[in-house]
Amino acid sequence: MFMQVYGIDLSMEKLLQEVKSLPERIEMSSLDGNKSFKVIDNEGKNLFDFATSAVWNSRKQVIEWLQPYYANKNEIVDLFYAITQCQGWIKTTRTSVTVRIEPLQQASRRAAQEQLCRKLTSLGAQTPTGKIMIIEVGDSPI
């Protein structure tokens, strides 16, 4: 058994010496039969980063619009998410698209929700076909 352990020790010493003699880094192009790595196109990543920042900035802007309408500043982000999770209805006419969302239960939150919807409507957003966007709060379908 001692001879086996001694033989393994010698093998390990030999392998460690071989590892020490190897270069720390090698050039991939110097290896036979290996192609260099393909250059990665960053266009997809850049588009994803752009979309992410646009959504983040929009979220931040809407939260800023909510602040004057809601006194509890610690819950403003929660209020934003509560509003965006509301169920609703859509009605389209020749000249407009009306979006009606269900009101929140708490009176102060509902008041802020209604004010935000008025603010969004007052921006005068239009669809590509020229229909005016109307956003409102209501209990019943349109």
N, C-alpha and C. Protein backbone atom coordinates (compact mmCIF):
# COMPACT_ATOMS: atom_id res chain seq x y z
N MET A 1 0.83 -1.19 0.00
CA MET A 1 0.00 0.00 0.00
C MET A 1 0.87 1.26 0.00
N PHE A 2 1.93 1.22 0.77
CA PHE A 2 2.85 2.36 0.81
C PHE A 2 3.40 2.65 -0.57
N MET A 3 3.69 1.61 -1.32
CA MET A 3 4.24 1.78 -2.67
C MET A 3 3.21 2.41 -3.61
N GLN A 4 1.94 2.06 -3.41
CA GLN A 4 0.89 2.66 -4.24
C GLN A 4 0.78 4.16 -3.97
N VAL A 5 0.76 4.53 -2.70
CA VAL A 5 0.67 5.94 -2.33
C VAL A 5 1.89 6.69 -2.84
N TYR A 6 3.07 6.08 -2.68
CA TYR A 6 4.31 6.70 -3.14
C TYR A 6 4.27 6.88 -4.66
N GLY A 7 3.73 5.89 -5.38
CA GLY A 7 3.62 5.97 -6.84
C GLY A 7 2.66 7.07 -7.28
N ILE A 8 1.57 7.21 -6.55
CA ILE A 8 0.59 8.27 -6.85
C ILE A 8 1.21 9.63 -6.59
N ASP A 9 1.97 9.76 -5.48
CA ASP A 9 2.66 11.02 -5.18
C ASP A 9 3.62 11.40 -6.30
N LEU A 10 4.36 10.42 -6.79
CA LEU A 10 5.30 10.70 -7.88
C LEU A 10 4.56 11.14 -9.14
N SER A 11 3.43 10.49 -9.42
CA SER A 11 2.64 10.86 -10.60
C SER A 11 2.11 12.28 -10.47
N MET A 12 1.65 12.63 -9.26
CA MET A 12 1.14 13.98 -9.03
C MET A 12 2.25 15.02 -9.18
N GLU A 13 3.42 14.72 -8.65
CA GLU A 13 4.56 15.64 -8.77
C GLU A 13 4.90 15.87 -10.23
N LYS A 14 4.89 14.79 -11.00
CA LYS A 14 5.22 14.89 -12.43
C LYS A 14 4.18 15.75 -13.15
N LEU A 15 2.88 15.53 -12.85
CA LEU A 15 1.82 16.31 -13.48
C LEU A 15 1.91 17.78 -13.09
N LEU A 16 2.21 18.07 -11.83
CA LEU A 16 2.36 19.46 -11.39
C LEU A 16 3.50 20.15 -12.13
N GLN A 17 4.59 19.45 -12.35
CA GLN A 17 5.72 20.01 -13.09
C GLN A 17 5.31 20.31 -14.54
N GLU A 18 4.52 19.40 -15.14
CA GLU A 18 4.05 19.62 -16.51
C GLU A 18 3.13 20.84 -16.59
N VAL A 19 2.24 20.97 -15.61
CA VAL A 19 1.32 22.11 -15.58
C VAL A 19 2.10 23.41 -15.45
N LYS A 20 3.12 23.43 -14.59
CA LYS A 20 3.93 24.64 -14.41
C LYS A 20 4.68 25.02 -15.67
N SER A 21 5.00 24.03 -16.49
CA SER A 21 5.75 24.33 -17.72
C SER A 21 4.84 24.84 -18.85
N LEU A 22 3.53 24.69 -18.71
CA LEU A 22 2.61 25.15 -19.75
C LEU A 22 2.46 26.67 -19.68
N PRO A 23 2.21 27.31 -20.84
CA PRO A 23 2.02 28.77 -20.82
C PRO A 23 0.72 29.13 -20.09
N GLU A 24 0.70 30.32 -19.51
CA GLU A 24 -0.48 30.77 -18.77
C GLU A 24 -1.66 31.02 -19.71
N ARG A 25 -1.39 31.57 -20.90
CA ARG A 25 -2.41 31.84 -21.90
C ARG A 25 -1.92 31.36 -23.26
N ILE A 26 -2.89 31.04 -24.12
CA ILE A 26 -2.55 30.65 -25.49
C ILE A 26 -3.43 31.41 -26.46
N GLU A 27 -2.95 31.59 -27.67
CA GLU A 27 -3.73 32.22 -28.74
C GLU A 27 -4.58 31.15 -29.42
N MET A 28 -5.87 31.38 -29.50
CA MET A 28 -6.76 30.42 -30.16
C MET A 28 -6.41 30.25 -31.63
N SER A 29 -5.95 31.30 -32.26
CA SER A 29 -5.63 31.22 -33.68
C SER A 29 -4.42 30.34 -33.94
N SER A 30 -3.60 30.09 -32.92
CA SER A 30 -2.41 29.27 -33.12
C SER A 30 -2.73 27.78 -33.07
N LEU A 31 -3.92 27.40 -32.65
CA LEU A 31 -4.29 25.99 -32.58
C LEU A 31 -4.74 25.50 -33.94
N ASP A 32 -4.32 24.31 -34.30
CA ASP A 32 -4.70 23.73 -35.59
C ASP A 32 -6.16 23.28 -35.58
N GLY A 33 -6.85 23.57 -36.67
CA GLY A 33 -8.21 23.09 -36.85
C GLY A 33 -9.26 23.82 -36.03
N ASN A 34 -8.90 24.83 -35.30
CA ASN A 34 -9.88 25.58 -34.51
C ASN A 34 -10.12 26.94 -35.13
N LYS A 35 -11.36 27.27 -35.30
CA LYS A 35 -11.71 28.58 -35.83
C LYS A 35 -11.79 29.57 -34.68
N SER A 36 -11.52 30.81 -34.99
CA SER A 36 -11.65 31.83 -33.95
C SER A 36 -13.13 32.07 -33.67
N PHE A 37 -13.41 32.64 -32.53
CA PHE A 37 -14.79 32.91 -32.14
C PHE A 37 -15.42 33.94 -33.08
N LYS A 38 -16.70 33.76 -33.32
CA LYS A 38 -17.44 34.71 -34.14
C LYS A 38 -17.66 36.00 -33.34
N VAL A 39 -17.50 37.12 -34.00
CA VAL A 39 -17.75 38.40 -33.36
C VAL A 39 -19.25 38.53 -33.10
N ILE A 40 -19.62 38.88 -31.89
CA ILE A 40 -21.03 38.97 -31.51
C ILE A 40 -21.60 40.31 -31.98
N ASP A 41 -22.77 40.24 -32.60
CA ASP A 41 -23.46 41.45 -33.03
C ASP A 41 -24.24 42.00 -31.84
N ASN A 42 -23.99 43.23 -31.49
CA ASN A 42 -24.62 43.84 -30.32
C ASN A 42 -25.95 44.50 -30.61
N GLU A 43 -26.44 44.41 -31.84
CA GLU A 43 -27.68 45.11 -32.19
C GLU A 43 -28.86 44.64 -31.34
N GLY A 44 -29.00 43.32 -31.17
CA GLY A 44 -30.10 42.79 -30.37
C GLY A 44 -30.02 43.25 -28.92
N LYS A 45 -28.83 43.21 -28.36
CA LYS A 45 -28.64 43.67 -26.98
C LYS A 45 -28.95 45.15 -26.87
N ASN A 46 -28.49 45.94 -27.84
CA ASN A 46 -28.74 47.38 -27.80
C ASN A 46 -30.24 47.69 -27.90
N LEU A 47 -30.97 46.94 -28.74
CA LEU A 47 -32.42 47.14 -28.85
C LEU A 47 -33.12 46.78 -27.54
N PHE A 48 -32.70 45.67 -26.93
CA PHE A 48 -33.28 45.28 -25.64
C PHE A 48 -33.01 46.34 -24.59
N ASP A 49 -31.79 46.84 -24.53
CA ASP A 49 -31.44 47.89 -23.56
C ASP A 49 -32.27 49.15 -23.80
N PHE A 50 -32.47 49.51 -25.07
CA PHE A 50 -33.27 50.69 -25.40
C PHE A 50 -34.72 50.51 -24.93
N ALA A 51 -35.30 49.34 -25.24
CA ALA A 51 -36.69 49.09 -24.83
C ALA A 51 -36.82 49.08 -23.31
N THR A 52 -35.86 48.47 -22.64
CA THR A 52 -35.89 48.42 -21.18
C THR A 52 -35.83 49.82 -20.58
N SER A 53 -34.93 50.64 -21.10
CA SER A 53 -34.81 52.00 -20.55
C SER A 53 -36.05 52.83 -20.87
N ALA A 54 -36.67 52.62 -22.04
CA ALA A 54 -37.88 53.36 -22.38
C ALA A 54 -39.03 53.00 -21.44
N VAL A 55 -39.18 51.71 -21.16
CA VAL A 55 -40.23 51.28 -20.23
C VAL A 55 -39.95 51.80 -18.83
N TRP A 56 -38.70 51.71 -18.39
CA TRP A 56 -38.34 52.19 -17.05
C TRP A 56 -38.61 53.69 -16.93
N ASN A 57 -38.23 54.45 -17.95
CA ASN A 57 -38.44 55.90 -17.91
C ASN A 57 -39.93 56.25 -17.94
N SER A 58 -40.72 55.49 -18.69
CA SER A 58 -42.17 55.71 -18.73
C SER A 58 -42.79 55.44 -17.37
N ARG A 59 -42.38 54.36 -16.74
CA ARG A 59 -42.87 54.02 -15.41
C ARG A 59 -42.54 55.14 -14.43
N LYS A 60 -41.31 55.61 -14.49
CA LYS A 60 -40.87 56.69 -13.60
C LYS A 60 -41.71 57.96 -13.84
N GLN A 61 -41.99 58.27 -15.10
CA GLN A 61 -42.77 59.47 -15.44
C GLN A 61 -44.19 59.36 -14.90
N VAL A 62 -44.83 58.21 -15.07
CA VAL A 62 -46.20 58.05 -14.60
C VAL A 62 -46.25 58.13 -13.07
N ILE A 63 -45.26 57.57 -12.40
CA ILE A 63 -45.21 57.67 -10.93
C ILE A 63 -45.07 59.13 -10.51
N GLU A 64 -44.27 59.90 -11.24
CA GLU A 64 -44.16 61.34 -10.93
C GLU A 64 -45.50 62.05 -11.13
N TRP A 65 -46.25 61.67 -12.16
CA TRP A 65 -47.57 62.27 -12.38
C TRP A 65 -48.55 61.91 -11.27
N LEU A 66 -48.39 60.74 -10.67
CA LEU A 66 -49.29 60.30 -9.60
C LEU A 66 -49.03 61.04 -8.29
N GLN A 67 -47.82 61.46 -8.05
CA GLN A 67 -47.43 62.01 -6.74
C GLN A 67 -48.31 63.17 -6.26
N PRO A 68 -48.69 64.13 -7.09
CA PRO A 68 -49.53 65.21 -6.56
C PRO A 68 -50.92 64.76 -6.13
N TYR A 69 -51.35 63.61 -6.61
CA TYR A 69 -52.72 63.16 -6.35
C TYR A 69 -52.83 62.18 -5.19
N TYR A 70 -51.70 61.76 -4.61
CA TYR A 70 -51.74 60.76 -3.56
C TYR A 70 -50.81 61.17 -2.43
N ALA A 71 -51.36 61.29 -1.23
CA ALA A 71 -50.60 61.84 -0.10
C ALA A 71 -49.55 60.89 0.45
N ASN A 72 -49.80 59.59 0.42
CA ASN A 72 -48.87 58.63 1.00
C ASN A 72 -47.76 58.29 0.01
N LYS A 73 -46.64 58.99 0.11
CA LYS A 73 -45.54 58.83 -0.85
C LYS A 73 -44.89 57.45 -0.77
N ASN A 74 -45.01 56.79 0.40
CA ASN A 74 -44.40 55.46 0.55
C ASN A 74 -45.13 54.39 -0.25
N GLU A 75 -46.37 54.65 -0.62
CA GLU A 75 -47.17 53.66 -1.34
C GLU A 75 -47.39 54.02 -2.81
N ILE A 76 -46.69 55.03 -3.30
CA ILE A 76 -46.96 55.53 -4.66
C ILE A 76 -46.64 54.47 -5.73
N VAL A 77 -45.56 53.71 -5.53
CA VAL A 77 -45.21 52.67 -6.51
C VAL A 77 -46.23 51.55 -6.46
N ASP A 78 -46.67 51.18 -5.24
CA ASP A 78 -47.71 50.16 -5.12
C ASP A 78 -49.00 50.61 -5.80
N LEU A 79 -49.33 51.88 -5.65
CA LEU A 79 -50.52 52.43 -6.30
C LEU A 79 -50.38 52.33 -7.82
N PHE A 80 -49.21 52.67 -8.34
CA PHE A 80 -48.97 52.56 -9.78
C PHE A 80 -49.25 51.13 -10.26
N TYR A 81 -48.69 50.14 -9.56
CA TYR A 81 -48.89 48.75 -9.97
C TYR A 81 -50.35 48.33 -9.79
N ALA A 82 -51.03 48.82 -8.77
CA ALA A 82 -52.45 48.50 -8.58
C ALA A 82 -53.27 49.03 -9.76
N ILE A 83 -52.95 50.23 -10.21
CA ILE A 83 -53.68 50.81 -11.35
C ILE A 83 -53.40 50.02 -12.62
N THR A 84 -52.15 49.66 -12.85
CA THR A 84 -51.82 48.94 -14.09
C THR A 84 -52.37 47.52 -14.11
N GLN A 85 -52.72 46.98 -12.94
CA GLN A 85 -53.28 45.63 -12.88
C GLN A 85 -54.81 45.61 -12.95
N CYS A 86 -55.44 46.76 -13.02
CA CYS A 86 -56.91 46.82 -13.06
C CYS A 86 -57.46 46.21 -14.35
N GLN A 87 -58.59 45.52 -14.22
CA GLN A 87 -59.32 45.02 -15.38
C GLN A 87 -60.01 46.19 -16.05
N GLY A 88 -60.43 46.01 -17.28
CA GLY A 88 -61.11 47.11 -17.93
C GLY A 88 -61.80 46.71 -19.22
N TRP A 89 -62.31 47.72 -19.90
CA TRP A 89 -63.04 47.54 -21.14
C TRP A 89 -62.51 48.52 -22.18
N ILE A 90 -62.68 48.17 -23.43
CA ILE A 90 -62.24 49.04 -24.52
C ILE A 90 -63.40 49.21 -25.50
N LYS A 91 -63.61 50.44 -25.91
CA LYS A 91 -64.63 50.73 -26.93
C LYS A 91 -63.96 51.62 -27.97
N THR A 92 -64.17 51.26 -29.22
CA THR A 92 -63.60 52.06 -30.29
C THR A 92 -64.72 52.60 -31.17
N THR A 93 -64.58 53.84 -31.56
CA THR A 93 -65.52 54.47 -32.49
C THR A 93 -64.70 54.96 -33.69
N ARG A 94 -65.38 55.67 -34.56
CA ARG A 94 -64.69 56.18 -35.75
C ARG A 94 -63.61 57.19 -35.38
N THR A 95 -63.79 57.90 -34.27
CA THR A 95 -62.86 58.98 -33.92
C THR A 95 -62.07 58.76 -32.63
N SER A 96 -62.46 57.74 -31.84
CA SER A 96 -61.77 57.59 -30.54
C SER A 96 -61.66 56.13 -30.11
N VAL A 97 -60.75 55.92 -29.17
CA VAL A 97 -60.63 54.64 -28.47
C VAL A 97 -60.76 54.98 -26.99
N THR A 98 -61.79 54.41 -26.35
CA THR A 98 -62.02 54.67 -24.94
C THR A 98 -61.62 53.44 -24.14
N VAL A 99 -60.79 53.66 -23.13
CA VAL A 99 -60.38 52.60 -22.21
C VAL A 99 -60.96 52.95 -20.85
N ARG A 100 -61.80 52.05 -20.32
CA ARG A 100 -62.37 52.26 -18.98
C ARG A 100 -61.84 51.16 -18.07
N ILE A 101 -61.21 51.57 -16.97
CA ILE A 101 -60.69 50.60 -16.02
C ILE A 101 -61.52 50.62 -14.74
N GLU A 102 -61.56 49.46 -14.09
CA GLU A 102 -62.32 49.34 -12.84
C GLU A 102 -61.72 50.24 -11.77
N PRO A 103 -62.56 50.83 -10.94
CA PRO A 103 -62.04 51.70 -9.89
C PRO A 103 -61.42 50.90 -8.75
N LEU A 104 -60.43 51.49 -8.12
CA LEU A 104 -59.83 50.89 -6.93
C LEU A 104 -60.80 51.05 -5.76
N GLN A 105 -60.71 50.19 -4.76
CA GLN A 105 -61.65 50.18 -3.64
C GLN A 105 -61.46 51.35 -2.68
N GLN A 106 -60.22 51.63 -2.32
CA GLN A 106 -59.94 52.69 -1.35
C GLN A 106 -60.17 54.06 -1.98
N ALA A 107 -60.90 54.93 -1.29
CA ALA A 107 -61.31 56.22 -1.85
C ALA A 107 -60.12 57.09 -2.27
N SER A 108 -59.08 57.17 -1.45
CA SER A 108 -57.94 58.02 -1.80
C SER A 108 -57.19 57.47 -3.02
N ARG A 109 -57.11 56.15 -3.11
CA ARG A 109 -56.45 55.54 -4.28
C ARG A 109 -57.31 55.74 -5.53
N ARG A 110 -58.63 55.59 -5.37
CA ARG A 110 -59.53 55.78 -6.51
C ARG A 110 -59.46 57.22 -7.03
N ALA A 111 -59.38 58.19 -6.12
CA ALA A 111 -59.27 59.60 -6.53
C ALA A 111 -57.98 59.83 -7.32
N ALA A 112 -56.88 59.25 -6.84
CA ALA A 112 -55.60 59.38 -7.56
C ALA A 112 -55.67 58.68 -8.91
N GLN A 113 -56.34 57.52 -8.96
CA GLN A 113 -56.51 56.78 -10.21
C GLN A 113 -57.29 57.63 -11.22
N GLU A 114 -58.36 58.26 -10.77
CA GLU A 114 -59.18 59.09 -11.66
C GLU A 114 -58.38 60.29 -12.17
N GLN A 115 -57.63 60.93 -11.28
CA GLN A 115 -56.81 62.08 -11.68
C GLN A 115 -55.74 61.67 -12.70
N LEU A 116 -55.12 60.51 -12.48
CA LEU A 116 -54.11 60.04 -13.43
C LEU A 116 -54.75 59.78 -14.79
N CYS A 117 -55.92 59.17 -14.81
CA CYS A 117 -56.60 58.91 -16.09
C CYS A 117 -56.94 60.22 -16.80
N ARG A 118 -57.38 61.23 -16.05
CA ARG A 118 -57.64 62.54 -16.66
C ARG A 118 -56.35 63.13 -17.24
N LYS A 119 -55.26 62.99 -16.50
CA LYS A 119 -53.96 63.50 -16.96
C LYS A 119 -53.56 62.80 -18.26
N LEU A 120 -53.68 61.48 -18.29
CA LEU A 120 -53.30 60.72 -19.49
C LEU A 120 -54.18 61.10 -20.68
N THR A 121 -55.47 61.31 -20.45
CA THR A 121 -56.38 61.72 -21.52
C THR A 121 -56.02 63.11 -22.02
N SER A 122 -55.66 64.00 -21.09
CA SER A 122 -55.33 65.39 -21.48
C SER A 122 -54.06 65.49 -22.33
N LEU A 123 -53.26 64.44 -22.34
CA LEU A 123 -52.04 64.46 -23.17
C LEU A 123 -52.38 64.40 -24.66
N GLY A 124 -53.59 63.97 -24.98
CA GLY A 124 -54.04 63.96 -26.37
C GLY A 124 -53.38 62.90 -27.23
N ALA A 125 -53.08 61.75 -26.65
CA ALA A 125 -52.45 60.67 -27.43
C ALA A 125 -53.42 60.18 -28.50
N GLN A 126 -52.84 59.81 -29.64
CA GLN A 126 -53.64 59.30 -30.75
C GLN A 126 -53.05 58.00 -31.27
N THR A 127 -53.92 57.15 -31.79
CA THR A 127 -53.46 55.92 -32.43
C THR A 127 -52.86 56.29 -33.79
N PRO A 128 -52.15 55.37 -34.42
CA PRO A 128 -51.60 55.67 -35.75
C PRO A 128 -52.66 56.04 -36.78
N THR A 129 -53.91 55.61 -36.55
CA THR A 129 -54.99 55.94 -37.49
C THR A 129 -55.67 57.26 -37.14
N GLY A 130 -55.18 57.96 -36.11
CA GLY A 130 -55.70 59.27 -35.76
C GLY A 130 -56.82 59.28 -34.73
N LYS A 131 -57.15 58.12 -34.15
CA LYS A 131 -58.20 58.08 -33.13
C LYS A 131 -57.64 58.62 -31.81
N ILE A 132 -58.45 59.40 -31.13
CA ILE A 132 -58.05 59.99 -29.85
C ILE A 132 -58.20 58.95 -28.74
N MET A 133 -57.22 58.89 -27.85
CA MET A 133 -57.26 57.97 -26.71
C MET A 133 -57.95 58.65 -25.53
N ILE A 134 -58.96 57.98 -24.98
CA ILE A 134 -59.67 58.47 -23.80
C ILE A 134 -59.53 57.39 -22.73
N ILE A 135 -59.00 57.77 -21.58
CA ILE A 135 -58.80 56.82 -20.48
C ILE A 135 -59.62 57.30 -19.30
N GLU A 136 -60.47 56.40 -18.78
CA GLU A 136 -61.37 56.78 -17.69
C GLU A 136 -61.53 55.64 -16.70
N VAL A 137 -62.13 55.97 -15.56
CA VAL A 137 -62.40 54.99 -14.51
C VAL A 137 -63.91 54.83 -14.42
N GLY A 138 -64.39 53.58 -14.32
CA GLY A 138 -65.82 53.34 -14.21
C GLY A 138 -66.14 51.92 -13.79
N ASP A 139 -67.35 51.73 -13.23
CA ASP A 139 -67.77 50.43 -12.71
C ASP A 139 -68.28 49.48 -13.78
N SER A 140 -68.86 50.02 -14.83
CA SER A 140 -69.55 49.15 -15.78
C SER A 140 -68.87 49.18 -17.15
N PRO A 141 -69.14 48.14 -17.94
CA PRO A 141 -68.60 48.15 -19.30
C PRO A 141 -69.11 49.36 -20.08
N ILE A 142 -68.38 49.71 -21.07
CA ILE A 142 -68.70 50.88 -21.89
C ILE A 142 -69.89 50.57 -22.78
